[in-house]
N, C-alpha and C. Protein backbone atom coordinates (compact mmCIF):
# COMPACT_ATOMS: atom_id res chain seq x y z
N MET A 1 91.05 67.61 91.15
CA MET A 1 90.92 68.93 90.54
C MET A 1 92.31 68.95 91.72
N ALA A 2 93.22 70.56 90.91
CA ALA A 2 93.85 70.71 91.84
C ALA A 2 94.67 72.57 91.62
N VAL A 3 95.40 73.06 92.93
CA VAL A 3 95.74 74.24 92.48
C VAL A 3 96.43 74.63 91.09
N SER A 4 96.14 75.19 90.41
CA SER A 4 97.15 75.37 89.07
C SER A 4 97.80 75.93 89.50
N HIS A 5 97.75 77.85 89.81
CA HIS A 5 99.38 78.03 90.32
C HIS A 5 98.58 79.26 91.49
N VAL A 6 99.44 79.83 91.87
CA VAL A 6 99.71 80.37 93.33
C VAL A 6 100.49 81.92 92.78
N SER A 7 100.50 83.00 93.22
CA SER A 7 101.24 84.47 93.20
C SER A 7 101.61 84.38 94.48
N VAL A 8 103.20 85.48 94.44
CA VAL A 8 103.30 85.69 95.55
C VAL A 8 104.24 86.62 94.41
N ALA A 9 104.66 87.73 96.29
CA ALA A 9 105.82 88.98 96.02
C ALA A 9 107.00 88.87 96.98
N VAL A 10 108.01 89.22 96.20
CA VAL A 10 109.52 88.83 95.98
C VAL A 10 110.33 90.04 95.92
N THR A 11 111.08 90.31 96.29
CA THR A 11 112.46 91.32 95.98
C THR A 11 113.30 90.74 95.05
N ASN A 12 113.39 89.80 94.66
CA ASN A 12 114.40 88.98 92.82
C ASN A 12 112.94 87.81 92.58
N PRO A 13 111.59 88.36 91.72
CA PRO A 13 111.50 87.55 91.13
C PRO A 13 111.89 86.93 89.75
N GLU A 14 112.81 87.58 89.27
CA GLU A 14 113.49 86.81 87.64
C GLU A 14 114.31 85.62 89.09
N ALA A 15 115.11 85.66 89.96
CA ALA A 15 115.59 84.97 90.70
C ALA A 15 115.32 83.89 92.02
N ALA A 16 113.87 84.26 92.05
CA ALA A 16 113.01 83.45 92.85
C ALA A 16 113.00 82.30 91.60
N ALA A 17 112.13 83.33 90.82
CA ALA A 17 111.74 82.18 89.60
C ALA A 17 112.40 81.05 88.82
N ARG A 18 113.79 81.12 88.65
CA ARG A 18 114.42 80.45 87.62
C ARG A 18 115.28 79.32 89.53
N ALA A 19 115.22 79.76 90.44
CA ALA A 19 115.18 78.60 91.31
C ALA A 19 114.44 77.64 91.75
N VAL A 20 113.34 78.41 91.71
CA VAL A 20 112.16 77.20 91.45
C VAL A 20 112.09 76.10 90.41
N ALA A 21 112.09 76.93 89.53
CA ALA A 21 112.04 76.41 87.98
C ALA A 21 113.47 75.36 88.48
N GLU A 22 114.38 75.42 88.65
CA GLU A 22 115.95 74.53 88.83
C GLU A 22 115.29 73.52 89.94
N ILE A 23 114.47 73.59 91.31
CA ILE A 23 114.53 72.56 92.07
C ILE A 23 113.14 71.53 91.17
N TRP A 24 112.58 72.52 90.67
CA TRP A 24 111.04 71.61 89.94
C TRP A 24 111.76 70.49 89.06
N GLN A 25 112.72 71.19 88.49
CA GLN A 25 113.02 70.47 87.00
C GLN A 25 112.60 70.60 85.87
N GLY A 26 111.60 72.45 85.98
CA GLY A 26 110.66 73.08 85.00
C GLY A 26 111.17 73.57 84.27
N SER A 27 110.58 75.20 84.46
CA SER A 27 111.19 76.12 83.47
C SER A 27 111.05 77.51 83.53
N ALA A 28 111.78 78.54 83.73
CA ALA A 28 111.67 79.56 84.43
C ALA A 28 111.10 80.88 82.94
N PHE A 29 110.22 81.76 83.04
CA PHE A 29 110.08 82.89 82.38
C PHE A 29 109.53 84.40 82.53
N PRO A 30 109.86 85.49 81.87
CA PRO A 30 108.79 86.30 82.04
C PRO A 30 107.19 86.89 82.21
N PHE A 31 106.77 87.26 83.36
CA PHE A 31 105.47 86.87 83.25
C PHE A 31 104.93 88.47 83.27
N PHE A 32 104.16 88.23 81.70
CA PHE A 32 104.00 90.03 80.87
C PHE A 32 102.95 90.19 81.68
N PRO A 33 102.18 90.14 82.22
CA PRO A 33 100.96 90.37 82.52
C PRO A 33 101.09 91.84 83.81
N HIS A 34 102.31 91.71 84.48
CA HIS A 34 102.80 92.72 85.54
C HIS A 34 104.75 93.06 84.82
N ALA A 35 104.67 93.92 84.60
CA ALA A 35 105.98 94.62 84.66
C ALA A 35 106.98 94.03 86.23
N GLY A 36 107.89 92.96 85.52
CA GLY A 36 108.90 92.88 86.61
C GLY A 36 109.17 91.69 87.19
N ALA A 37 107.65 90.84 86.98
CA ALA A 37 106.68 89.26 87.52
C ALA A 37 107.88 88.60 86.54
N TRP A 38 107.80 87.41 87.18
CA TRP A 38 108.31 85.79 86.69
C TRP A 38 107.28 84.64 86.79
N ILE A 39 107.26 83.57 86.27
CA ILE A 39 106.53 82.78 86.59
C ILE A 39 107.92 81.44 86.65
N ALA A 40 107.39 80.78 87.43
CA ALA A 40 107.88 79.79 87.11
C ALA A 40 107.09 77.93 86.97
N PHE A 41 107.25 76.86 86.32
CA PHE A 41 106.15 76.22 85.55
C PHE A 41 107.04 74.92 86.17
N SER A 42 106.83 73.60 86.69
CA SER A 42 106.94 72.39 87.34
C SER A 42 107.27 71.75 85.82
N SER A 43 108.08 70.84 86.54
CA SER A 43 108.33 70.01 85.15
C SER A 43 106.72 68.89 85.06
N SER A 44 106.20 68.65 83.38
CA SER A 44 105.32 67.98 84.08
C SER A 44 105.44 66.51 84.23
N ALA A 45 106.64 66.15 84.83
CA ALA A 45 107.30 65.26 85.38
C ALA A 45 106.36 65.01 86.53
N VAL A 46 106.34 66.32 87.55
CA VAL A 46 105.06 66.33 88.42
C VAL A 46 104.20 66.79 89.12
N ALA A 47 103.95 67.20 88.11
CA ALA A 47 102.77 67.63 88.05
C ALA A 47 102.24 68.08 86.32
N THR A 48 100.83 66.87 86.11
CA THR A 48 100.48 67.49 84.56
C THR A 48 98.90 67.76 84.93
N PRO A 49 98.32 69.59 84.18
CA PRO A 49 99.75 69.77 83.74
C PRO A 49 100.38 71.07 84.71
N GLU A 50 101.44 71.45 84.27
CA GLU A 50 102.56 71.64 85.24
C GLU A 50 102.07 72.95 85.95
N THR A 51 101.75 72.69 87.69
CA THR A 51 101.94 73.78 88.30
C THR A 51 102.71 74.72 88.52
N GLN A 52 102.37 76.20 88.18
CA GLN A 52 102.87 77.07 88.40
C GLN A 52 103.02 78.32 89.61
N ILE A 53 103.90 78.87 90.05
CA ILE A 53 104.34 80.00 90.34
C ILE A 53 105.06 81.20 90.07
N GLU A 54 103.92 82.27 89.92
CA GLU A 54 103.73 83.57 89.40
C GLU A 54 104.77 84.27 90.59
N PHE A 55 105.58 85.22 90.61
CA PHE A 55 106.68 85.79 91.60
C PHE A 55 106.49 87.36 90.71
N TYR A 56 106.32 88.20 91.70
CA TYR A 56 105.58 89.81 91.47
C TYR A 56 106.46 90.53 92.35
N PRO A 57 106.64 91.82 91.68
CA PRO A 57 107.52 92.29 92.60
C PRO A 57 107.05 92.85 93.84
N GLU A 58 107.93 93.14 95.20
CA GLU A 58 107.85 93.16 96.32
C GLU A 58 106.27 94.77 96.09
N GLY A 59 105.68 94.30 97.19
CA GLY A 59 105.32 95.96 97.05
C GLY A 59 103.88 95.76 96.02
N SER A 60 103.89 94.16 94.93
CA SER A 60 103.16 94.30 94.38
C SER A 60 101.56 93.57 95.12
N GLU A 61 100.13 94.31 94.39
CA GLU A 61 99.03 93.64 94.91
C GLU A 61 98.22 93.93 94.09
N LEU A 62 96.52 92.87 94.04
CA LEU A 62 96.11 92.94 93.45
C LEU A 62 94.43 93.47 93.86
N ALA A 63 93.77 94.27 93.10
CA ALA A 63 92.68 95.05 93.23
C ALA A 63 91.68 94.07 92.76
N PRO A 64 90.20 94.48 92.96
CA PRO A 64 89.02 94.17 92.16
C PRO A 64 88.66 95.97 91.47
N VAL A 65 88.38 95.43 90.15
CA VAL A 65 88.20 96.90 89.35
C VAL A 65 86.74 96.30 88.68
N ASP A 66 86.04 97.27 88.53
CA ASP A 66 84.57 96.70 87.50
C ASP A 66 85.15 97.12 86.02
N THR A 67 85.76 96.63 85.58
CA THR A 67 86.06 96.61 84.52
C THR A 67 85.84 94.87 83.48
N ASP A 68 86.98 94.24 82.34
CA ASP A 68 86.52 93.44 81.63
C ASP A 68 87.70 92.18 82.49
N ASP A 69 88.72 93.07 82.80
CA ASP A 69 89.86 92.22 83.42
C ASP A 69 89.92 92.00 84.67
N ASP A 70 88.66 92.56 85.64
CA ASP A 70 88.13 91.82 87.10
C ASP A 70 89.08 93.03 88.12
N HIS A 71 90.17 92.89 87.89
CA HIS A 71 91.27 93.05 88.27
C HIS A 71 92.42 94.38 88.49
N GLU A 72 92.94 94.82 88.39
CA GLU A 72 94.30 95.58 88.76
C GLU A 72 95.38 95.20 90.03
N PHE A 73 96.00 95.59 89.43
CA PHE A 73 97.64 95.75 89.74
C PHE A 73 97.86 96.94 90.76
N GLN A 74 98.39 97.32 92.23
CA GLN A 74 98.95 98.26 92.74
C GLN A 74 99.78 98.05 93.15
N HIS A 75 100.95 99.32 93.55
CA HIS A 75 102.49 98.59 94.51
C HIS A 75 101.89 99.33 95.93
N ASN A 76 102.06 98.78 96.64
CA ASN A 76 101.42 99.67 97.65
C ASN A 76 103.47 99.22 98.61
N PRO A 77 104.04 100.83 98.79
CA PRO A 77 105.80 100.73 98.92
C PRO A 77 104.80 100.96 100.52
N LEU A 78 103.99 100.45 101.33
CA LEU A 78 104.26 99.94 102.56
C LEU A 78 103.48 98.23 102.83
N ALA A 79 103.76 97.74 102.27
CA ALA A 79 103.64 96.17 101.91
C ALA A 79 104.41 95.34 103.46
N SER A 80 104.06 94.98 103.99
CA SER A 80 105.04 94.23 104.83
C SER A 80 105.55 93.50 104.39
N PHE A 81 106.90 93.18 104.75
CA PHE A 81 108.05 92.10 103.98
C PHE A 81 107.86 90.61 104.55
N LEU A 82 107.07 90.38 105.60
CA LEU A 82 106.99 88.88 105.78
C LEU A 82 105.34 88.67 105.57
N THR A 83 105.24 87.14 105.13
CA THR A 83 103.36 86.81 104.82
C THR A 83 103.21 85.52 105.67
N PRO A 84 101.69 85.09 106.04
CA PRO A 84 101.91 83.58 106.29
C PRO A 84 101.83 83.16 105.12
N THR A 85 101.99 83.55 104.03
CA THR A 85 101.33 82.59 102.72
C THR A 85 102.31 82.04 102.70
N HIS A 86 102.92 80.65 102.40
CA HIS A 86 103.65 79.38 101.81
C HIS A 86 103.33 78.43 101.25
N ILE A 87 104.32 78.11 101.33
CA ILE A 87 103.89 77.10 99.77
C ILE A 87 104.77 76.10 99.82
N ALA A 88 103.89 74.84 99.98
CA ALA A 88 104.49 73.31 99.53
C ALA A 88 104.35 72.77 98.47
N ILE A 89 105.74 72.19 97.81
CA ILE A 89 105.68 71.66 96.23
C ILE A 89 106.27 70.77 96.26
N LYS A 90 106.00 69.81 95.51
CA LYS A 90 106.13 67.70 95.35
C LYS A 90 107.75 68.49 94.63
N THR A 91 108.69 67.73 94.40
CA THR A 91 109.43 67.58 92.95
C THR A 91 110.19 66.67 93.11
N LEU A 92 111.31 66.20 92.49
CA LEU A 92 111.90 64.69 91.45
C LEU A 92 112.73 64.98 92.37
N ALA A 93 113.43 66.63 92.06
CA ALA A 93 115.04 66.45 92.92
C ALA A 93 115.09 65.99 94.47
N ASP A 94 116.63 65.76 94.44
CA ASP A 94 116.85 65.30 95.68
C ASP A 94 117.37 66.31 96.69
N ARG A 95 117.39 66.42 98.29
CA ARG A 95 117.50 67.00 98.57
C ARG A 95 119.14 67.28 98.60
N ALA A 96 119.92 66.88 97.86
CA ALA A 96 121.07 67.62 97.90
C ALA A 96 121.46 68.43 96.83
N THR A 97 120.30 68.33 95.49
CA THR A 97 119.60 69.43 94.73
C THR A 97 119.59 70.30 95.52
N VAL A 98 118.26 70.52 96.33
CA VAL A 98 117.74 71.22 96.40
C VAL A 98 118.73 72.42 97.78
N GLU A 99 119.78 71.78 98.00
CA GLU A 99 119.91 72.19 99.37
C GLU A 99 121.27 73.10 98.56
N LYS A 100 121.70 72.87 97.29
CA LYS A 100 122.39 73.59 95.48
C LYS A 100 122.17 74.84 96.32
N VAL A 101 120.47 74.45 95.10
CA VAL A 101 120.30 75.60 94.38
C VAL A 101 120.43 76.38 95.83
N ALA A 102 119.00 76.40 96.66
CA ALA A 102 119.47 77.37 98.29
C ALA A 102 120.61 78.02 98.62
N ALA A 103 121.28 77.59 98.53
CA ALA A 103 123.51 77.91 99.37
C ALA A 103 123.53 78.99 98.02
N ARG A 104 123.26 78.25 96.92
CA ARG A 104 123.79 79.61 95.12
C ARG A 104 122.60 81.13 95.71
N GLU A 105 121.45 80.42 96.28
CA GLU A 105 120.87 81.54 96.29
C GLU A 105 120.99 82.93 97.47
N GLY A 106 121.78 81.92 98.33
CA GLY A 106 121.30 82.56 99.44
C GLY A 106 120.36 82.27 100.64
N TRP A 107 119.66 81.43 99.99
CA TRP A 107 118.24 81.82 101.14
C TRP A 107 118.62 80.18 102.31
N ARG A 108 118.05 80.30 103.11
CA ARG A 108 118.08 79.53 104.54
C ARG A 108 117.43 77.98 103.86
N CYS A 109 118.52 76.60 104.48
CA CYS A 109 117.63 75.50 103.63
C CYS A 109 117.96 74.45 105.16
N ARG A 110 117.10 74.32 105.51
CA ARG A 110 116.96 73.19 107.22
C ARG A 110 115.97 72.18 107.14
N LEU A 111 115.74 71.20 107.57
CA LEU A 111 115.08 69.78 107.21
C LEU A 111 114.24 70.69 108.22
N GLY A 112 112.67 70.67 108.34
CA GLY A 112 111.72 71.40 109.52
C GLY A 112 110.67 69.61 109.82
N ASN A 113 110.47 69.69 110.52
CA ASN A 113 109.32 68.56 111.08
C ASN A 113 108.18 69.22 111.26
N ARG A 114 107.19 69.00 111.35
CA ARG A 114 105.85 69.42 111.27
C ARG A 114 105.05 68.35 112.42
N GLY A 115 104.98 68.59 113.47
CA GLY A 115 104.46 68.05 114.87
C GLY A 115 104.69 66.37 114.58
N GLY A 116 106.10 66.41 114.53
CA GLY A 116 105.95 64.50 114.03
C GLY A 116 105.77 63.73 113.35
N VAL A 117 104.66 64.66 112.56
CA VAL A 117 104.15 63.54 111.71
C VAL A 117 104.63 63.57 110.23
N PHE A 118 105.40 64.75 110.33
CA PHE A 118 106.23 64.84 109.02
C PHE A 118 107.19 65.52 108.59
N ASP A 119 107.85 65.82 107.78
CA ASP A 119 109.31 66.43 107.35
C ASP A 119 109.17 67.38 106.16
N THR A 120 109.46 68.49 106.02
CA THR A 120 109.57 69.26 104.47
C THR A 120 111.44 69.91 104.86
N LEU A 121 111.69 70.28 103.22
CA LEU A 121 112.94 70.74 103.24
C LEU A 121 112.30 72.15 103.27
N ASP A 122 112.43 72.89 103.93
CA ASP A 122 112.45 74.59 104.46
C ASP A 122 113.33 74.82 103.87
N VAL A 123 112.92 75.93 102.82
CA VAL A 123 113.32 76.67 101.84
C VAL A 123 113.04 78.08 101.79
N TRP A 124 114.01 79.63 102.73
CA TRP A 124 113.33 80.37 102.45
C TRP A 124 113.96 81.22 101.56
N ILE A 125 112.89 81.73 100.87
CA ILE A 125 113.14 82.60 99.70
C ILE A 125 113.25 83.87 100.36
N GLU A 126 114.55 84.87 100.05
CA GLU A 126 114.90 85.61 100.31
C GLU A 126 114.55 86.25 101.85
N ASP A 127 114.51 85.10 103.09
CA ASP A 127 113.50 84.93 104.36
C ASP A 127 112.38 85.24 104.22
N ARG A 128 112.09 85.97 103.19
CA ARG A 128 110.56 86.08 103.67
C ARG A 128 109.28 85.38 103.29
N LEU A 129 109.88 84.32 102.22
CA LEU A 129 108.83 83.35 101.86
C LEU A 129 108.72 81.92 101.78
N LEU A 130 108.50 81.33 103.05
CA LEU A 130 108.87 79.69 103.48
C LEU A 130 108.22 78.79 102.12
N VAL A 131 109.05 78.02 101.50
CA VAL A 131 108.60 77.01 100.45
C VAL A 131 109.35 75.83 101.11
N GLU A 132 108.32 75.59 101.15
CA GLU A 132 108.20 73.31 101.71
C GLU A 132 108.38 73.02 100.82
N VAL A 133 109.57 72.52 100.86
CA VAL A 133 110.18 71.78 99.45
C VAL A 133 110.05 70.48 100.05
N LEU A 134 109.23 69.09 98.65
CA LEU A 134 108.71 67.48 99.40
C LEU A 134 109.74 67.20 97.95
N THR A 135 110.81 66.37 97.84
CA THR A 135 111.69 65.68 97.52
C THR A 135 111.24 64.22 97.82
N PRO A 136 111.22 62.97 97.22
CA PRO A 136 110.51 62.10 97.20
C PRO A 136 110.80 61.35 98.22
N GLU A 137 111.96 61.53 98.70
CA GLU A 137 111.39 60.79 100.07
C GLU A 137 110.72 60.99 101.44
N LEU A 138 110.36 62.71 101.28
CA LEU A 138 109.51 63.31 101.86
C LEU A 138 107.97 63.00 101.63
N GLN A 139 107.74 62.53 100.47
CA GLN A 139 106.57 63.17 99.62
C GLN A 139 105.50 61.60 100.62
N GLY A 140 105.80 60.38 101.05
CA GLY A 140 104.73 59.86 101.56
C GLY A 140 104.28 60.05 102.78
N ALA A 141 105.45 60.62 103.52
CA ALA A 141 104.65 61.06 105.32
C ALA A 141 103.87 62.33 104.82
N PHE A 142 103.93 63.34 103.96
CA PHE A 142 103.03 64.34 103.75
C PHE A 142 101.88 63.91 103.19
N ASP A 143 101.71 62.66 102.34
CA ASP A 143 100.57 62.85 102.07
C ASP A 143 99.81 61.80 102.48
N ALA A 144 100.15 60.96 103.50
CA ALA A 144 99.38 60.29 104.58
C ALA A 144 99.08 61.11 105.60
N ALA A 145 99.28 62.36 105.78
CA ALA A 145 99.22 63.42 106.89
C ALA A 145 98.30 64.36 106.48
N MET A 146 98.28 64.81 105.05
CA MET A 146 97.76 66.37 104.39
C MET A 146 96.25 65.84 103.43
N ASN A 147 95.96 64.55 103.86
CA ASN A 147 94.50 64.41 102.95
C ASN A 147 93.30 64.29 103.64
N ALA A 148 91.99 64.46 103.31
CA ALA A 148 91.12 64.88 104.04
C ALA A 148 90.59 63.84 104.34
N GLU A 149 90.90 62.58 104.19
CA GLU A 149 90.10 61.35 104.89
C GLU A 149 91.06 61.10 106.32
N ARG A 150 92.36 61.72 106.93
CA ARG A 150 92.87 62.04 107.57
C ARG A 150 92.17 63.03 108.81
N TRP A 151 92.24 64.07 107.64
CA TRP A 151 91.32 65.29 108.80
C TRP A 151 90.18 64.85 109.22
N THR A 152 89.26 63.75 108.94
CA THR A 152 88.19 64.10 109.29
C THR A 152 88.55 63.55 110.20
N GLN A 153 88.98 62.03 110.45
CA GLN A 153 88.96 61.77 111.53
C GLN A 153 89.70 62.20 112.72
N LEU A 154 90.65 63.23 112.64
CA LEU A 154 91.25 63.79 113.83
C LEU A 154 90.33 65.14 114.13
N THR A 155 89.65 65.72 113.13
CA THR A 155 88.60 66.66 114.18
C THR A 155 86.89 66.36 114.23
N ASN A 156 86.87 64.74 113.88
CA ASN A 156 85.68 63.92 113.81
C ASN A 156 84.95 64.72 112.97
N GLY A 157 85.46 64.93 112.13
CA GLY A 157 83.81 65.17 111.00
C GLY A 157 83.47 66.33 111.30
N VAL A 158 83.77 67.27 111.11
CA VAL A 158 83.20 68.78 112.07
C VAL A 158 83.46 69.47 110.74
């Protein structure tokens, strides 16, 4: 089993979805359940079925309701610009491609080290959302570090 999709709020959902889709060598489309939202799909070569990221307009929130839909969208004009939410994505694209896309969008992009264990290519969408991009050369160390067997050893099975 795997995570199929995640949703996040950004200032420019279309630009974010198109850029992430390009990094993923996938595609991006308007996301009709919420006005102004966009969705990025990974290439099926990256994940089958394709993984998705839904990009909602800044201030969008989901709230539970007692209807068949089970939720509704709300707008919070006081929503924080920053979030602890971040996403790690694998791609077939190389580092130069990711850096080119980030530079075109005006986003920070740098190699980040995670405790000397593995590196990620850190792309900051709109200086608010961290996307840890794992290019092919970064995926092996990430996979070796981020798995249940290793964490069982690190935590003594707690």
